[in-house]
Amino acid sequence: MQWEKALAGFRVYLKLERALSARTVEAYLRDVAKLRSFAEALHPPLAPDALQLDDLQAFITAQAKQGLMATSQARLLSAVRGFHKSMLLEGLITADPTELLESPRTGRHLPDFLSVEEIDALVQAIDMARPMAHRDRAMLETLYGCGLRVSELCSLRISRLHFAEGFLRVVGKGDKERIVPVSPEAVKQIGIYREQERNHLPVQPKAGDLLFLNARGGGLSRVSVFKLVKALAAKAGIRKTISPHTFRHSFATHLVEGGADLRAVQEMLGHASITTTEIYTHLDREYLRSNIMRFHPRAKAGA
């Protein structure tokens, strides 16, 4: 595999999937350019899909020895992880060697999430008179109600819907399957979409079992879902930088805020490690702290 192809895919991933600013995209690309220089200087040189955990650890160690600060190391690691995630999503690699890559402890970023009111505003921004509006509503309810990744949403199959039992089967990272409870509202909206829209589409042969289709009867792309979410956010007046993944963060945040067991949230999200899920406990604590500072009498200045 050529580096140019992988880097071009990474640029698209950062702009569309991650919704990063142009400045951040360029910073990430510069970081991965360092990885490329390191890989091509090896004997023999390594293509991006040939990099293993040991190679990546050696790269990070080499950067640290050059005096790279911990915060810069953390950004570098984020870029390397994102690069491999983009290759994984595009099917250029079958396993992610960055899963066990160690990073410096610099504190954890709390992801943006939407309030219930903002979720409702996004749903209400859908023009139900437009074609495929029922599909769009069903997709938003499924993203939020099940905490799916956008790739999982696009690949969701009718044969994996078990609404009578109240769950659906999702194939996530590494082809790992998990069972996710499905909300009554998502079930309702999916039913309406199938009856009023999907059943009338010229379904393409390869898309026969896919749940969510485009107007031509083919499978949906992640980019099309991203564009839908961005357009609805603008229409609803939501100023946060959001993507389809924001629904997943919102799903997890609202569960933790409501008192859900962290292990249960881990299972529903399909996280390999509980430490990934634990960020939502930190987010929950920050949510509680901000509310205390805002509303508690003793938190007010001069009290």
Protein backbone atom coordinates (compact mmCIF):
# COMPACT_ATOMS: atom_id res chain seq x y z
CA MET A 1 0.00 0.00 0.00
CA GLN A 2 1.24 3.47 -0.87
CA TRP A 3 1.54 6.16 1.79
CA GLU A 4 -0.15 8.69 -0.50
CA LYS A 5 -3.35 6.64 -0.67
CA ALA A 6 -3.46 6.09 3.09
CA LEU A 7 -2.80 9.76 3.83
CA ALA A 8 -5.46 10.90 1.39
CA GLY A 9 -7.98 8.66 3.17
CA PHE A 10 -6.80 10.01 6.53
CA ARG A 11 -7.41 13.60 5.40
CA VAL A 12 -10.98 12.75 4.39
CA TYR A 13 -11.53 10.91 7.70
CA LEU A 14 -10.33 13.91 9.74
CA LYS A 15 -12.45 16.42 7.82
CA LEU A 16 -15.67 14.45 7.52
CA GLU A 17 -15.73 11.79 10.23
CA ARG A 18 -13.98 13.76 12.97
CA ALA A 19 -15.17 17.21 11.82
CA LEU A 20 -11.82 18.79 12.75
CA SER A 21 -10.80 22.28 11.76
CA ALA A 22 -8.47 22.79 8.79
CA ARG A 23 -5.68 23.80 11.16
CA THR A 24 -6.04 20.65 13.26
CA VAL A 25 -6.21 18.47 10.15
CA GLU A 26 -2.90 19.90 8.93
CA ALA A 27 -1.31 19.37 12.36
CA TYR A 28 -2.38 15.73 12.37
CA LEU A 29 -1.08 15.24 8.84
CA ARG A 30 2.28 16.73 9.84
CA ASP A 31 2.45 14.30 12.76
CA VAL A 32 1.75 11.32 10.51
CA ALA A 33 4.34 12.65 8.04
CA LYS A 34 6.88 12.14 10.85
CA LEU A 35 5.72 8.54 11.14
CA ARG A 36 6.12 8.13 7.39
CA SER A 37 9.67 9.47 7.49
CA PHE A 38 10.48 7.09 10.33
CA ALA A 39 8.96 4.09 8.52
CA GLU A 40 10.64 4.84 5.20
CA ALA A 41 14.04 5.17 6.91
CA LEU A 42 13.84 1.62 8.24
CA HIS A 43 15.56 -1.31 6.51
CA PRO A 44 13.54 -2.43 4.70
CA PRO A 45 11.16 0.56 4.54
CA LEU A 46 7.67 -0.12 5.84
CA ALA A 47 4.37 0.67 4.15
CA PRO A 48 1.58 2.00 6.41
CA ASP A 49 -0.24 -1.35 6.54
CA ALA A 50 2.96 -3.13 7.61
CA LEU A 51 3.53 -1.13 10.80
CA GLN A 52 3.29 -3.20 13.97
CA LEU A 53 3.06 -2.26 17.66
CA ASP A 54 6.83 -2.53 18.15
CA ASP A 55 7.47 -0.19 15.22
CA LEU A 56 5.03 2.39 16.54
CA GLN A 57 6.43 2.16 20.07
CA ALA A 58 9.93 2.67 18.66
CA PHE A 59 8.69 5.72 16.76
CA ILE A 60 7.12 7.28 19.86
CA THR A 61 10.24 6.53 21.91
CA ALA A 62 12.44 8.13 19.26
CA GLN A 63 10.29 11.26 19.28
CA ALA A 64 10.43 11.40 23.10
CA LYS A 65 14.22 11.13 23.05
CA GLN A 66 14.31 14.17 20.78
CA GLY A 67 12.74 16.16 23.63
CA LEU A 68 9.11 16.07 22.54
CA MET A 69 6.96 17.24 25.44
CA ALA A 70 4.29 14.94 26.89
CA THR A 71 1.47 17.08 25.52
CA SER A 72 3.01 16.95 22.03
CA GLN A 73 3.49 13.20 22.41
CA ALA A 74 -0.19 12.88 23.26
CA ARG A 75 -1.19 14.76 20.10
CA LEU A 76 1.24 12.65 18.07
CA LEU A 77 -0.31 9.49 19.49
CA SER A 78 -3.78 10.79 18.73
CA ALA A 79 -2.75 11.37 15.12
CA VAL A 80 -1.18 7.91 14.81
CA ARG A 81 -4.25 6.26 16.33
CA GLY A 82 -6.58 8.25 14.08
CA PHE A 83 -4.48 7.31 11.05
CA HIS A 84 -4.81 3.61 11.83
CA LYS A 85 -8.51 3.96 12.60
CA SER A 86 -9.08 5.55 9.18
CA MET A 87 -7.20 2.66 7.52
CA LEU A 88 -9.27 0.18 9.51
CA LEU A 89 -12.54 1.83 8.48
CA GLU A 90 -11.48 1.81 4.84
CA GLY A 91 -10.51 -1.86 5.03
CA LEU A 92 -6.82 -1.15 4.34
CA ILE A 93 -5.83 -3.02 7.52
CA THR A 94 -7.64 -5.77 9.43
CA ALA A 95 -6.25 -5.10 12.92
CA ASP A 96 -5.29 -1.92 14.78
CA PRO A 97 -1.74 -2.09 16.20
CA THR A 98 -2.28 1.13 18.18
CA GLU A 99 -4.73 -0.49 20.64
CA LEU A 100 -1.90 -1.31 23.07
CA LEU A 101 0.20 1.74 22.30
CA GLU A 102 1.04 3.55 25.54
CA SER A 103 0.52 7.27 25.88
CA PRO A 104 1.72 9.87 28.40
CA ARG A 105 -0.75 10.81 31.12
CA THR A 106 -1.85 14.36 30.34
CA GLY A 107 -5.48 14.21 31.37
CA ARG A 108 -8.33 13.01 29.21
CA HIS A 109 -10.39 14.99 26.76
CA LEU A 110 -14.09 15.09 27.52
CA PRO A 111 -16.00 14.59 24.26
CA ASP A 112 -18.77 16.94 23.21
CA PHE A 113 -22.27 15.63 23.73
CA LEU A 114 -25.80 16.85 23.15
CA SER A 115 -28.48 17.48 25.73
CA VAL A 116 -31.82 15.71 25.38
CA GLU A 117 -33.29 19.05 24.27
CA GLU A 118 -30.63 19.39 21.55
CA ILE A 119 -31.30 15.83 20.35
CA ASP A 120 -35.01 16.69 20.14
CA ALA A 121 -34.18 19.90 18.24
CA LEU A 122 -32.14 17.95 15.69
CA VAL A 123 -34.97 15.47 15.16
CA GLN A 124 -37.50 18.30 14.81
CA ALA A 125 -35.26 19.97 12.21
CA ILE A 126 -36.00 17.15 9.77
CA ASP A 127 -38.41 18.31 7.06
CA MET A 128 -40.86 15.41 7.07
CA ALA A 129 -42.23 16.50 3.68
CA ARG A 130 -38.92 15.69 1.98
CA PRO A 131 -38.08 12.31 0.43
CA MET A 132 -36.36 9.84 2.80
CA ALA A 133 -37.29 11.95 5.84
CA HIS A 134 -38.55 8.89 7.72
CA ARG A 135 -35.22 7.19 7.08
CA ASP A 136 -33.36 10.20 8.45
CA ARG A 137 -35.46 10.25 11.61
CA ALA A 138 -35.05 6.50 12.08
CA MET A 139 -31.27 6.85 11.70
CA LEU A 140 -31.02 9.59 14.32
CA GLU A 141 -33.16 7.59 16.76
CA THR A 142 -30.98 4.52 16.17
CA LEU A 143 -27.71 6.44 16.58
CA TYR A 144 -28.89 7.97 19.84
CA GLY A 145 -31.04 5.12 21.14
CA CYS A 146 -28.41 2.41 20.57
CA GLY A 147 -25.10 4.30 20.76
CA LEU A 148 -23.90 2.98 17.42
CA ARG A 149 -20.82 4.03 15.51
CA VAL A 150 -21.71 5.50 12.11
CA SER A 151 -20.05 2.54 10.37
CA GLU A 152 -22.24 0.20 12.43
CA LEU A 153 -25.33 2.17 11.45
CA CYS A 154 -24.51 2.01 7.75
CA SER A 155 -23.85 -1.75 7.89
CA LEU A 156 -26.87 -2.60 10.09
CA ARG A 157 -28.80 -5.52 8.60
CA ILE A 158 -32.48 -6.35 8.75
CA SER A 159 -31.63 -9.94 9.68
CA ARG A 160 -29.97 -8.65 12.86
CA LEU A 161 -33.05 -6.81 14.13
CA HIS A 162 -34.77 -8.68 16.95
CA PHE A 163 -37.44 -6.22 17.93
CA ALA A 164 -39.72 -8.81 19.54
CA GLU A 165 -36.95 -9.44 22.06
CA GLY A 166 -36.03 -5.74 22.25
CA PHE A 167 -32.50 -5.78 20.86
CA LEU A 168 -30.39 -5.73 17.72
CA ARG A 169 -27.10 -7.41 16.89
CA VAL A 170 -24.26 -5.12 15.86
CA VAL A 171 -20.98 -6.05 14.20
CA GLY A 172 -18.38 -3.56 15.42
CA LYS A 173 -14.61 -3.15 15.42
CA GLY A 174 -12.64 -6.27 14.59
CA ASP A 175 -15.85 -7.99 13.41
CA LYS A 176 -16.87 -8.37 17.06
CA GLU A 177 -20.58 -8.86 17.50
CA ARG A 178 -22.53 -7.43 20.41
CA ILE A 179 -26.16 -7.25 21.46
CA VAL A 180 -27.60 -3.77 22.03
CA PRO A 181 -31.02 -2.96 23.50
CA VAL A 182 -33.14 -0.87 21.15
CA SER A 183 -35.46 1.90 22.33
CA PRO A 184 -39.21 1.79 21.60
CA GLU A 185 -38.91 5.09 19.70
CA ALA A 186 -36.19 3.68 17.43
CA VAL A 187 -38.31 0.57 16.81
CA LYS A 188 -41.29 2.76 15.94
CA GLN A 189 -39.37 5.02 13.55
CA ILE A 190 -37.61 2.11 11.84
CA GLY A 191 -41.02 0.48 11.28
CA ILE A 192 -42.42 3.65 9.72
CA TYR A 193 -39.36 4.04 7.47
CA ARG A 194 -39.55 0.44 6.27
CA GLU A 195 -43.25 0.62 5.53
CA GLN A 196 -43.42 4.05 3.93
CA GLU A 197 -40.03 4.38 2.22
CA ARG A 198 -37.78 1.34 2.10
CA ASN A 199 -40.46 -1.01 0.78
CA HIS A 200 -40.89 1.29 -2.24
CA LEU A 201 -37.20 1.60 -3.18
CA PRO A 202 -35.55 -0.23 -6.12
CA VAL A 203 -33.31 -2.20 -3.76
CA GLN A 204 -29.98 -3.13 -5.33
CA PRO A 205 -29.01 -6.83 -5.12
CA LYS A 206 -26.06 -6.33 -2.76
CA ALA A 207 -28.12 -4.10 -0.45
CA GLY A 208 -31.03 -6.48 0.06
CA ASP A 209 -30.39 -7.04 3.77
CA LEU A 210 -29.13 -3.56 4.62
CA LEU A 211 -31.58 -1.58 6.72
CA PHE A 212 -30.74 1.99 5.76
CA LEU A 213 -30.54 2.70 2.04
CA ASN A 214 -30.08 5.74 -0.16
CA ALA A 215 -32.78 6.92 -2.57
CA ARG A 216 -31.33 4.69 -5.32
CA GLY A 217 -31.68 1.56 -3.21
CA GLY A 218 -27.98 1.20 -2.43
CA GLY A 219 -26.04 1.24 0.82
CA LEU A 220 -25.42 4.50 2.68
CA SER A 221 -21.95 5.97 3.08
CA ARG A 222 -20.59 7.38 6.35
CA VAL A 223 -20.08 10.71 4.56
CA SER A 224 -23.78 11.02 3.71
CA VAL A 225 -24.75 10.50 7.37
CA PHE A 226 -22.16 13.06 8.43
CA LYS A 227 -23.55 15.63 5.99
CA LEU A 228 -27.09 14.99 7.22
CA VAL A 229 -26.12 15.58 10.86
CA LYS A 230 -24.19 18.77 10.02
CA ALA A 231 -27.10 20.16 8.00
CA LEU A 232 -29.62 19.41 10.74
CA ALA A 233 -27.36 20.96 13.40
CA ALA A 234 -27.12 24.17 11.38
CA LYS A 235 -30.88 24.22 10.85
CA ALA A 236 -31.54 23.60 14.57
CA GLY A 237 -29.14 26.41 15.55
CA ILE A 238 -26.77 24.09 17.42
CA ARG A 239 -23.34 25.71 17.46
CA LYS A 240 -21.38 22.75 18.79
CA THR A 241 -19.06 20.92 16.40
CA ILE A 242 -20.87 17.64 16.06
CA SER A 243 -20.79 14.51 13.93
CA PRO A 244 -22.68 11.19 13.97
CA HIS A 245 -20.28 10.09 16.72
CA THR A 246 -21.68 12.83 18.97
CA PHE A 247 -24.86 10.78 19.28
CA ARG A 248 -22.79 7.90 20.66
CA HIS A 249 -21.18 10.22 23.23
CA SER A 250 -24.63 11.54 24.14
CA PHE A 251 -26.02 8.01 24.51
CA ALA A 252 -23.21 7.06 26.92
CA THR A 253 -23.29 10.35 28.83
CA HIS A 254 -27.03 10.22 29.45
CA LEU A 255 -26.80 6.61 30.61
CA VAL A 256 -24.04 7.42 33.11
CA GLU A 257 -25.84 10.55 34.28
CA GLY A 258 -28.92 8.40 34.84
CA GLY A 259 -26.98 5.97 37.04
CA ALA A 260 -26.30 3.12 34.59
CA ASP A 261 -23.67 0.56 35.58
CA LEU A 262 -20.37 1.31 33.85
CA ARG A 263 -19.85 -2.33 32.83
CA ALA A 264 -23.26 -2.35 31.15
CA VAL A 265 -22.39 0.85 29.26
CA GLN A 266 -19.08 -0.73 28.21
CA GLU A 267 -20.91 -3.75 26.80
CA MET A 268 -23.43 -1.62 24.93
CA LEU A 269 -20.71 0.57 23.42
CA GLY A 270 -18.52 -2.40 22.54
CA HIS A 271 -15.44 -0.98 24.27
CA ALA A 272 -12.64 -3.51 24.62
CA SER A 273 -11.41 -1.85 27.82
CA ILE A 274 -13.36 -0.37 30.73
CA THR A 275 -10.83 2.49 30.82
CA THR A 276 -12.27 3.78 27.53
CA THR A 277 -15.74 3.85 29.05
CA GLU A 278 -14.51 5.51 32.25
CA ILE A 279 -14.17 8.85 30.47
CA TYR A 280 -17.94 9.17 30.81
CA THR A 281 -17.66 9.02 34.61
CA HIS A 282 -15.25 11.97 34.40
CA LEU A 283 -17.67 13.74 32.11
CA ASP A 284 -20.48 13.00 34.56
CA ARG A 285 -18.43 14.46 37.42
CA GLU A 286 -17.72 17.58 35.37
CA TYR A 287 -21.43 17.87 34.61
CA LEU A 288 -22.21 17.61 38.32
CA ARG A 289 -19.47 20.10 39.24
CA SER A 290 -20.67 22.66 36.71
CA ASN A 291 -24.22 22.35 37.99
CA ILE A 292 -23.10 22.77 41.60
CA MET A 293 -21.03 25.83 40.70
CA ARG A 294 -23.99 27.27 38.83
CA PHE A 295 -26.83 26.58 41.23
CA HIS A 296 -25.52 25.99 44.75
CA PRO A 297 -25.90 29.06 47.02
CA ARG A 298 -22.38 28.67 48.51
CA ALA A 299 -20.80 28.50 45.05
CA LYS A 300 -21.92 32.01 44.15
CA ALA A 301 -19.45 34.86 44.42
CA GLY A 302 -19.81 36.82 47.66
CA ALA A 303 -22.01 34.19 49.29
